[in-house]
């Protein structure tokens, strides 16, 4: 039985920025944090004709994020990730207790 909430957006919108698509294809990006659920574990999606599979879906507090988490998001470190998120979402505050849904994924080759 699925214990996750209903999706808030289609999985095709999970990774959409061209630089992040390229980072996922190259293997530098292996997760995407979102406010809502875009895909469930074992669900697949395509980026430029390459198939990826969601390997896990977990909640994470922004305050628990590390540099390694930011690197898995495709950024050099947590400071760069935080700065970009705040620029993209005008008026947003970096609330350490806010939680996001982290979609971990991997490329399926062949």
N, C-alpha and C. Protein backbone atom coordinates (compact mmCIF):
# COMPACT_ATOMS: atom_id res chain seq x y z
N UNK A 1 0.84 -1.18 0.00
CA UNK A 1 0.00 0.00 0.00
C UNK A 1 0.89 1.25 0.00
N UNK A 2 0.54 2.23 -0.79
CA UNK A 2 1.29 3.47 -0.89
C UNK A 2 0.97 4.35 0.31
N UNK A 3 2.00 4.74 1.04
CA UNK A 3 1.80 5.59 2.22
C UNK A 3 2.18 7.04 1.93
N UNK A 4 2.43 7.34 0.68
CA UNK A 4 2.79 8.71 0.29
C UNK A 4 1.53 9.51 -0.02
N UNK A 5 1.61 10.83 0.11
CA UNK A 5 0.46 11.66 -0.28
C UNK A 5 0.28 11.65 -1.80
N UNK A 6 -0.84 12.15 -2.24
CA UNK A 6 -1.08 12.26 -3.67
C UNK A 6 -0.07 13.19 -4.31
N UNK A 7 0.19 12.97 -5.57
CA UNK A 7 1.11 13.82 -6.30
C UNK A 7 0.55 15.24 -6.40
N UNK A 8 1.47 16.20 -6.34
CA UNK A 8 1.08 17.60 -6.51
C UNK A 8 1.47 18.10 -7.90
N UNK A 9 2.27 17.33 -8.63
CA UNK A 9 2.71 17.72 -9.95
C UNK A 9 3.12 16.47 -10.72
N UNK A 10 3.15 16.56 -12.03
CA UNK A 10 3.52 15.44 -12.87
C UNK A 10 5.03 15.19 -12.81
N UNK A 11 5.42 13.93 -12.84
CA UNK A 11 6.83 13.57 -12.76
C UNK A 11 7.66 14.16 -13.89
N UNK A 12 7.05 14.46 -15.01
CA UNK A 12 7.80 15.05 -16.12
C UNK A 12 8.35 16.43 -15.78
N UNK A 13 7.87 17.03 -14.71
CA UNK A 13 8.33 18.35 -14.29
C UNK A 13 9.32 18.27 -13.11
N UNK A 14 9.72 17.05 -12.74
CA UNK A 14 10.62 16.88 -11.60
C UNK A 14 11.94 17.60 -11.82
N UNK A 15 12.59 17.37 -12.94
CA UNK A 15 13.85 18.03 -13.29
C UNK A 15 13.60 18.74 -14.61
N UNK A 16 13.63 20.07 -14.58
CA UNK A 16 13.25 20.79 -15.80
C UNK A 16 14.26 21.82 -16.29
N UNK A 17 15.05 22.38 -15.41
CA UNK A 17 16.02 23.39 -15.84
C UNK A 17 17.11 22.72 -16.68
N UNK A 18 17.43 23.28 -17.86
CA UNK A 18 18.42 22.64 -18.74
C UNK A 18 19.74 22.28 -18.08
N UNK A 19 20.28 23.14 -17.22
CA UNK A 19 21.55 22.82 -16.54
C UNK A 19 21.39 21.63 -15.61
N UNK A 20 20.23 21.52 -14.95
CA UNK A 20 20.01 20.40 -14.04
C UNK A 20 19.72 19.12 -14.80
N UNK A 21 19.08 19.24 -15.96
CA UNK A 21 18.87 18.07 -16.82
C UNK A 21 20.23 17.50 -17.22
N UNK A 22 21.14 18.37 -17.66
CA UNK A 22 22.48 17.93 -18.05
C UNK A 22 23.23 17.33 -16.87
N UNK A 23 23.07 17.93 -15.68
CA UNK A 23 23.73 17.39 -14.49
C UNK A 23 23.20 15.99 -14.16
N UNK A 24 21.91 15.77 -14.33
CA UNK A 24 21.33 14.44 -14.09
C UNK A 24 21.86 13.44 -15.12
N UNK A 25 21.87 13.84 -16.38
CA UNK A 25 22.34 12.94 -17.43
C UNK A 25 23.80 12.56 -17.21
N UNK A 26 24.61 13.50 -16.75
CA UNK A 26 26.03 13.22 -16.52
C UNK A 26 26.28 12.46 -15.21
N UNK A 27 25.25 12.33 -14.36
CA UNK A 27 25.40 11.61 -13.10
C UNK A 27 25.75 12.50 -11.92
N UNK A 28 25.87 13.81 -12.14
CA UNK A 28 26.21 14.73 -11.05
C UNK A 28 25.00 15.06 -10.18
N UNK A 29 23.81 14.91 -10.73
CA UNK A 29 22.57 15.18 -9.99
C UNK A 29 21.83 13.86 -9.82
N UNK A 30 21.54 13.52 -8.56
CA UNK A 30 20.88 12.24 -8.27
C UNK A 30 19.67 12.39 -7.35
N UNK A 31 19.27 13.64 -7.12
CA UNK A 31 18.10 13.88 -6.29
C UNK A 31 17.49 15.23 -6.63
N UNK A 32 16.20 15.37 -6.30
CA UNK A 32 15.52 16.64 -6.50
C UNK A 32 14.57 16.85 -5.35
N UNK A 33 14.76 17.95 -4.62
CA UNK A 33 13.84 18.31 -3.54
C UNK A 33 12.72 19.18 -4.09
N UNK A 34 11.52 18.92 -3.64
CA UNK A 34 10.35 19.69 -4.07
C UNK A 34 9.41 19.87 -2.88
N UNK A 35 8.56 20.91 -2.97
CA UNK A 35 7.54 21.12 -1.93
C UNK A 35 6.52 20.00 -1.91
N UNK A 36 6.27 19.41 -3.05
CA UNK A 36 5.27 18.36 -3.15
C UNK A 36 5.85 17.09 -3.75
N UNK A 37 4.98 16.12 -3.95
CA UNK A 37 5.37 14.83 -4.52
C UNK A 37 5.16 14.87 -6.03
N UNK A 38 6.24 14.58 -6.76
CA UNK A 38 6.18 14.55 -8.22
C UNK A 38 6.25 13.13 -8.75
N UNK A 39 6.82 12.22 -7.99
CA UNK A 39 6.94 10.84 -8.44
C UNK A 39 7.15 9.92 -7.25
N UNK A 40 6.79 8.66 -7.45
CA UNK A 40 6.90 7.64 -6.41
C UNK A 40 8.06 6.69 -6.71
N UNK A 41 8.60 6.01 -5.70
CA UNK A 41 9.65 5.03 -5.96
C UNK A 41 9.22 4.01 -7.01
N UNK A 42 10.16 3.67 -7.87
CA UNK A 42 10.01 2.75 -9.00
C UNK A 42 9.34 3.39 -10.21
N UNK A 43 8.91 4.64 -10.09
CA UNK A 43 8.34 5.34 -11.24
C UNK A 43 9.48 5.88 -12.11
N UNK A 44 9.28 5.84 -13.41
CA UNK A 44 10.33 6.29 -14.33
C UNK A 44 9.93 7.61 -14.99
N UNK A 45 10.97 8.32 -15.46
CA UNK A 45 10.77 9.55 -16.22
C UNK A 45 11.93 9.67 -17.20
N UNK A 46 11.77 10.51 -18.21
CA UNK A 46 12.79 10.69 -19.21
C UNK A 46 13.31 12.11 -19.25
N UNK A 47 14.61 12.22 -19.50
CA UNK A 47 15.26 13.51 -19.71
C UNK A 47 16.06 13.38 -21.00
N UNK A 48 15.68 14.12 -22.00
CA UNK A 48 16.35 14.08 -23.31
C UNK A 48 16.47 12.65 -23.84
N UNK A 49 15.41 11.86 -23.68
CA UNK A 49 15.38 10.50 -24.20
C UNK A 49 16.08 9.46 -23.34
N UNK A 50 16.59 9.86 -22.19
CA UNK A 50 17.27 8.94 -21.27
C UNK A 50 16.34 8.68 -20.09
N UNK A 51 16.19 7.41 -19.75
CA UNK A 51 15.26 7.01 -18.69
C UNK A 51 15.93 7.01 -17.33
N UNK A 52 15.19 7.54 -16.36
CA UNK A 52 15.61 7.56 -14.96
C UNK A 52 14.51 6.90 -14.13
N UNK A 53 14.90 6.39 -12.97
CA UNK A 53 13.93 5.78 -12.06
C UNK A 53 14.07 6.41 -10.68
N UNK A 54 12.93 6.70 -10.06
CA UNK A 54 12.92 7.21 -8.69
C UNK A 54 13.24 6.03 -7.77
N UNK A 55 14.30 6.17 -6.98
CA UNK A 55 14.72 5.07 -6.10
C UNK A 55 14.18 5.21 -4.69
N UNK A 56 13.89 6.45 -4.28
CA UNK A 56 13.28 6.65 -2.96
C UNK A 56 12.66 8.03 -2.90
N UNK A 57 11.75 8.17 -1.97
CA UNK A 57 11.06 9.43 -1.73
C UNK A 57 11.00 9.62 -0.22
N UNK A 58 11.67 10.67 0.26
CA UNK A 58 11.76 10.90 1.71
C UNK A 58 11.54 12.37 2.03
N UNK A 59 11.14 12.63 3.26
CA UNK A 59 11.01 14.01 3.74
C UNK A 59 12.33 14.41 4.37
N UNK A 60 12.71 15.67 4.16
CA UNK A 60 13.93 16.18 4.78
C UNK A 60 13.72 17.63 5.19
N UNK A 61 14.17 17.96 6.38
CA UNK A 61 14.15 19.35 6.86
C UNK A 61 15.25 20.10 6.15
N UNK A 62 14.97 21.34 5.78
CA UNK A 62 16.02 22.16 5.17
C UNK A 62 17.21 22.29 6.11
N UNK A 63 16.95 22.35 7.41
CA UNK A 63 18.02 22.47 8.39
C UNK A 63 18.90 21.23 8.50
N UNK A 64 18.46 20.12 7.95
CA UNK A 64 19.25 18.89 7.99
C UNK A 64 20.07 18.68 6.72
N UNK A 65 19.89 19.57 5.74
CA UNK A 65 20.64 19.43 4.48
C UNK A 65 22.13 19.67 4.72
N UNK A 66 22.95 18.95 3.97
CA UNK A 66 24.40 19.07 4.05
C UNK A 66 24.97 19.46 2.69
N UNK A 67 26.26 19.72 2.66
CA UNK A 67 26.92 19.97 1.38
C UNK A 67 26.75 18.77 0.44
N UNK A 68 26.82 17.56 0.97
CA UNK A 68 26.64 16.36 0.13
C UNK A 68 25.25 16.31 -0.48
N UNK A 69 24.24 16.71 0.28
CA UNK A 69 22.87 16.77 -0.26
C UNK A 69 22.80 17.79 -1.39
N UNK A 70 23.40 18.96 -1.17
CA UNK A 70 23.39 20.00 -2.21
C UNK A 70 24.12 19.53 -3.46
N UNK A 71 25.21 18.80 -3.28
CA UNK A 71 25.94 18.27 -4.43
C UNK A 71 25.09 17.26 -5.19
N UNK A 72 24.33 16.43 -4.47
CA UNK A 72 23.42 15.48 -5.12
C UNK A 72 22.30 16.20 -5.86
N UNK A 73 22.02 17.45 -5.46
CA UNK A 73 21.04 18.28 -6.16
C UNK A 73 21.64 18.93 -7.41
N UNK A 74 22.97 18.82 -7.55
CA UNK A 74 23.65 19.38 -8.71
C UNK A 74 24.36 20.70 -8.47
N UNK A 75 24.57 21.05 -7.20
CA UNK A 75 25.21 22.32 -6.84
C UNK A 75 26.53 22.04 -6.11
N UNK A 76 27.46 23.00 -6.12
CA UNK A 76 28.76 22.74 -5.50
C UNK A 76 28.72 22.59 -3.98
N UNK A 77 27.78 23.29 -3.34
CA UNK A 77 27.69 23.22 -1.87
C UNK A 77 26.34 23.77 -1.42
N UNK A 78 26.09 23.68 -0.13
CA UNK A 78 24.80 24.10 0.43
C UNK A 78 24.59 25.60 0.29
N UNK A 79 25.64 26.39 0.45
CA UNK A 79 25.50 27.85 0.32
C UNK A 79 25.02 28.22 -1.08
N UNK A 80 25.62 27.62 -2.11
CA UNK A 80 25.22 27.91 -3.50
C UNK A 80 23.78 27.46 -3.74
N UNK A 81 23.42 26.30 -3.22
CA UNK A 81 22.06 25.78 -3.38
C UNK A 81 21.05 26.73 -2.73
N UNK A 82 21.32 27.10 -1.50
CA UNK A 82 20.42 27.99 -0.76
C UNK A 82 20.27 29.32 -1.47
N UNK A 83 21.37 29.92 -1.93
CA UNK A 83 21.32 31.21 -2.63
C UNK A 83 20.46 31.11 -3.89
N UNK A 84 20.61 30.04 -4.64
CA UNK A 84 19.82 29.89 -5.86
C UNK A 84 18.33 29.72 -5.55
N UNK A 85 18.03 28.89 -4.58
CA UNK A 85 16.62 28.66 -4.20
C UNK A 85 15.97 29.97 -3.79
N UNK A 86 16.66 30.76 -3.00
CA UNK A 86 16.09 32.03 -2.53
C UNK A 86 15.94 33.03 -3.68
N UNK A 87 16.83 32.99 -4.67
CA UNK A 87 16.69 33.86 -5.85
C UNK A 87 15.51 33.42 -6.71
N UNK A 88 15.32 32.10 -6.83
CA UNK A 88 14.24 31.57 -7.68
C UNK A 88 12.86 31.82 -7.08
N UNK A 89 12.78 31.83 -5.77
CA UNK A 89 11.50 31.96 -5.07
C UNK A 89 11.48 33.26 -4.27
N UNK A 90 11.16 34.34 -4.97
CA UNK A 90 11.16 35.67 -4.35
C UNK A 90 10.29 35.68 -3.10
N UNK A 91 10.81 36.26 -2.04
CA UNK A 91 10.06 36.37 -0.79
C UNK A 91 10.16 35.15 0.11
N UNK A 92 10.74 34.06 -0.38
CA UNK A 92 10.87 32.86 0.43
C UNK A 92 11.95 33.06 1.49
N UNK A 93 11.71 32.51 2.66
CA UNK A 93 12.72 32.49 3.71
C UNK A 93 13.25 31.07 3.85
N UNK A 94 14.50 30.94 4.20
CA UNK A 94 15.12 29.62 4.40
C UNK A 94 14.79 29.18 5.82
N UNK A 95 13.64 28.56 5.97
CA UNK A 95 13.16 28.09 7.28
C UNK A 95 13.77 26.72 7.55
N UNK A 96 14.63 26.63 8.56
CA UNK A 96 15.33 25.39 8.86
C UNK A 96 14.38 24.25 9.19
N UNK A 97 13.17 24.56 9.66
CA UNK A 97 12.20 23.51 10.00
C UNK A 97 11.30 23.12 8.83
N UNK A 98 11.38 23.86 7.73
CA UNK A 98 10.56 23.51 6.56
C UNK A 98 11.03 22.17 6.00
N UNK A 99 10.08 21.38 5.54
CA UNK A 99 10.40 20.07 4.98
C UNK A 99 10.10 20.04 3.48
N UNK A 100 10.93 19.31 2.77
CA UNK A 100 10.72 19.09 1.35
C UNK A 100 10.66 17.58 1.10
N UNK A 101 10.07 17.23 -0.03
CA UNK A 101 10.08 15.84 -0.48
C UNK A 101 11.31 15.67 -1.35
N UNK A 102 12.19 14.76 -0.98
CA UNK A 102 13.39 14.49 -1.74
C UNK A 102 13.16 13.25 -2.60
N UNK A 103 13.24 13.45 -3.91
CA UNK A 103 13.12 12.38 -4.88
C UNK A 103 14.52 11.95 -5.27
N UNK A 104 14.97 10.80 -4.80
CA UNK A 104 16.26 10.27 -5.22
C UNK A 104 16.03 9.45 -6.48
N UNK A 105 16.97 9.55 -7.41
CA UNK A 105 16.79 8.83 -8.66
C UNK A 105 18.13 8.41 -9.25
N UNK A 106 18.06 7.51 -10.21
CA UNK A 106 19.26 7.09 -10.93
C UNK A 106 18.91 6.86 -12.40
N UNK A 107 19.91 6.96 -13.19
CA UNK A 107 19.78 6.74 -14.63
C UNK A 107 19.68 5.24 -14.90
N UNK A 108 18.82 4.88 -15.83
CA UNK A 108 18.71 3.49 -16.27
C UNK A 108 19.34 3.43 -17.66
N UNK A 109 20.43 2.72 -17.78
CA UNK A 109 21.10 2.60 -19.07
C UNK A 109 20.75 1.26 -19.71
N UNK A 110 20.61 1.33 -21.01
CA UNK A 110 20.35 0.10 -21.77
C UNK A 110 18.92 -0.07 -21.98
